[in-house]
Amino acid sequence: MLLLKPNCECCGRDLPPQSSDAMICSFECTFCRGCSDTRLHGRCPNCGGELQRRPVRPADKLAKHPASTQRVYNPRGCGEAA
């Protein structure tokens, strides 16, 4: 099950579970669409994988399986994709 991390790892922007601007790689590294498009050019800086739109968990499922509250923030690692 996806963790649904709460923020962009590059800029720290909040990304609530229902956000359509959240982008993830296959390892669930999480970025906002702005950082993905302009800074990372669609590639995860951690693994080099492709960033795709994170799916939105339905509200009834979110209540039973809540999003993560653990924030990951590493702006120094987000200059260029790997």
C-alpha atoms as a PDB file:
ATOM      1  CA  MET A   1       0.000   0.000   0.000  1.00  0.00           C
ATOM      2  CA  LEU A   2       1.333   3.460  -0.897  1.00  0.00           C
ATOM      3  CA  LEU A   3       2.544   5.581   2.001  1.00  0.00           C
ATOM      4  CA  LEU A   4       1.105   8.829   0.600  1.00  0.00           C
ATOM      5  CA  LYS A   5       3.918  10.982   1.995  1.00  0.00           C
ATOM      6  CA  PRO A   6       2.740  14.430   3.134  1.00  0.00           C
ATOM      7  CA  ASN A   7       5.182  16.748   1.339  1.00  0.00           C
ATOM      8  CA  CYS A   8       7.528  17.423  -1.563  1.00  0.00           C
ATOM      9  CA  GLU A   9      11.029  16.205  -0.775  1.00  0.00           C
ATOM     10  CA  CYS A  10      12.540  19.155  -2.696  1.00  0.00           C
ATOM     11  CA  CYS A  11      10.613  22.255  -1.662  1.00  0.00           C
ATOM     12  CA  GLY A  12       8.693  21.002   1.376  1.00  0.00           C
ATOM     13  CA  ARG A  13       5.300  21.906  -0.101  1.00  0.00           C
ATOM     14  CA  ASP A  14       2.376  20.136   1.579  1.00  0.00           C
ATOM     15  CA  LEU A  15       0.863  17.372  -0.548  1.00  0.00           C
ATOM     16  CA  PRO A  16      -2.326  16.149   1.107  1.00  0.00           C
ATOM     17  CA  PRO A  17      -3.555  12.652   0.201  1.00  0.00           C
ATOM     18  CA  GLN A  18      -6.115  14.046  -2.271  1.00  0.00           C
ATOM     19  CA  SER A  19      -3.558  16.200  -4.122  1.00  0.00           C
ATOM     20  CA  SER A  20      -3.395  15.748  -7.885  1.00  0.00           C
ATOM     21  CA  ASP A  21       0.000  17.541  -7.866  1.00  0.00           C
ATOM     22  CA  ALA A  22       1.864  14.753  -6.041  1.00  0.00           C
ATOM     23  CA  MET A  23       4.372  12.827  -8.143  1.00  0.00           C
ATOM     24  CA  ILE A  24       6.109   9.584  -7.095  1.00  0.00           C
ATOM     25  CA  CYS A  25       8.728   7.149  -8.349  1.00  0.00           C
ATOM     26  CA  SER A  26       8.546   3.365  -7.937  1.00  0.00           C
ATOM     27  CA  PHE A  27      10.214   3.723  -4.513  1.00  0.00           C
ATOM     28  CA  GLU A  28       7.525   6.244  -3.423  1.00  0.00           C
ATOM     29  CA  CYS A  29       9.871   9.231  -3.269  1.00  0.00           C
ATOM     30  CA  THR A  30       7.432  12.127  -3.410  1.00  0.00           C
ATOM     31  CA  PHE A  31       7.644  15.491  -5.168  1.00  0.00           C
ATOM     32  CA  CYS A  32       5.250  18.229  -6.216  1.00  0.00           C
ATOM     33  CA  ARG A  33       4.474  18.641  -9.904  1.00  0.00           C
ATOM     34  CA  GLY A  34       6.344  21.960  -9.989  1.00  0.00           C
ATOM     35  CA  CYS A  35       9.625  20.466  -8.771  1.00  0.00           C
ATOM     36  CA  SER A  36       9.117  17.376 -10.916  1.00  0.00           C
ATOM     37  CA  ASP A  37       8.652  19.448 -14.064  1.00  0.00           C
ATOM     38  CA  THR A  38      11.117  22.305 -13.539  1.00  0.00           C
ATOM     39  CA  ARG A  39      13.900  21.009 -11.315  1.00  0.00           C
ATOM     40  CA  LEU A  40      13.849  17.262 -11.828  1.00  0.00           C
ATOM     41  CA  HIS A  41      12.620  16.993 -15.427  1.00  0.00           C
ATOM     42  CA  GLY A  42      10.435  13.989 -14.566  1.00  0.00           C
ATOM     43  CA  ARG A  43      13.220  11.936 -12.940  1.00  0.00           C
ATOM     44  CA  CYS A  44      13.662  11.019  -9.282  1.00  0.00           C
ATOM     45  CA  PRO A  45      16.915  12.485  -7.917  1.00  0.00           C
ATOM     46  CA  ASN A  46      17.259   9.513  -5.550  1.00  0.00           C
ATOM     47  CA  CYS A  47      16.958   6.575  -7.945  1.00  0.00           C
ATOM     48  CA  GLY A  48      16.765   8.115 -11.428  1.00  0.00           C
ATOM     49  CA  GLY A  49      13.341   6.554 -11.972  1.00  0.00           C
ATOM     50  CA  GLU A  50      10.413   8.140 -13.765  1.00  0.00           C
ATOM     51  CA  LEU A  51       8.057  10.325 -11.740  1.00  0.00           C
ATOM     52  CA  GLN A  52       4.354   9.647 -12.239  1.00  0.00           C
ATOM     53  CA  ARG A  53       1.205  11.194 -10.743  1.00  0.00           C
ATOM     54  CA  ARG A  54       0.454   9.657  -7.365  1.00  0.00           C
ATOM     55  CA  PRO A  55      -2.980   8.005  -7.249  1.00  0.00           C
ATOM     56  CA  VAL A  56      -5.596   9.455  -4.907  1.00  0.00           C
ATOM     57  CA  ARG A  57      -6.892   7.050  -2.274  1.00  0.00           C
ATOM     58  CA  PRO A  58     -10.703   7.116  -1.941  1.00  0.00           C
ATOM     59  CA  ALA A  59     -11.895   8.905   1.213  1.00  0.00           C
ATOM     60  CA  ASP A  60     -13.492   5.799   2.723  1.00  0.00           C
ATOM     61  CA  LYS A  61     -10.245   3.845   2.283  1.00  0.00           C
ATOM     62  CA  LEU A  62      -8.176   6.771   3.575  1.00  0.00           C
ATOM     63  CA  ALA A  63     -10.064   6.620   6.868  1.00  0.00           C
ATOM     64  CA  LYS A  64      -9.087   2.966   7.315  1.00  0.00           C
ATOM     65  CA  HIS A  65      -5.594   3.311   5.785  1.00  0.00           C
ATOM     66  CA  PRO A  66      -4.383   6.869   6.570  1.00  0.00           C
ATOM     67  CA  ALA A  67      -1.586   8.684   4.780  1.00  0.00           C
ATOM     68  CA  SER A  68       1.877   8.901   6.288  1.00  0.00           C
ATOM     69  CA  THR A  69       2.699  11.848   8.531  1.00  0.00           C
ATOM     70  CA  GLN A  70       6.476  11.412   8.243  1.00  0.00           C
ATOM     71  CA  ARG A  71       7.959  14.315   6.283  1.00  0.00           C
ATOM     72  CA  VAL A  72      11.031  13.851   4.087  1.00  0.00           C
ATOM     73  CA  TYR A  73      12.849  17.022   3.041  1.00  0.00           C
ATOM     74  CA  ASN A  74      16.180  17.122   1.199  1.00  0.00           C
ATOM     75  CA  PRO A  75      16.446  20.311  -0.891  1.00  0.00           C
ATOM     76  CA  ARG A  76      20.201  19.849  -1.469  1.00  0.00           C
ATOM     77  CA  GLY A  77      19.557  16.537  -3.237  1.00  0.00           C
ATOM     78  CA  CYS A  78      17.089  18.012  -5.701  1.00  0.00           C
ATOM     79  CA  GLY A  79      19.293  20.109  -7.972  1.00  0.00           C
ATOM     80  CA  GLU A  80      19.430  17.607 -10.792  1.00  0.00           C
ATOM     81  CA  ALA A  81      18.034  14.151 -11.421  1.00  0.00           C
ATOM     82  CA  ALA A  82      20.363  11.182 -10.912  1.00  0.00           C
END
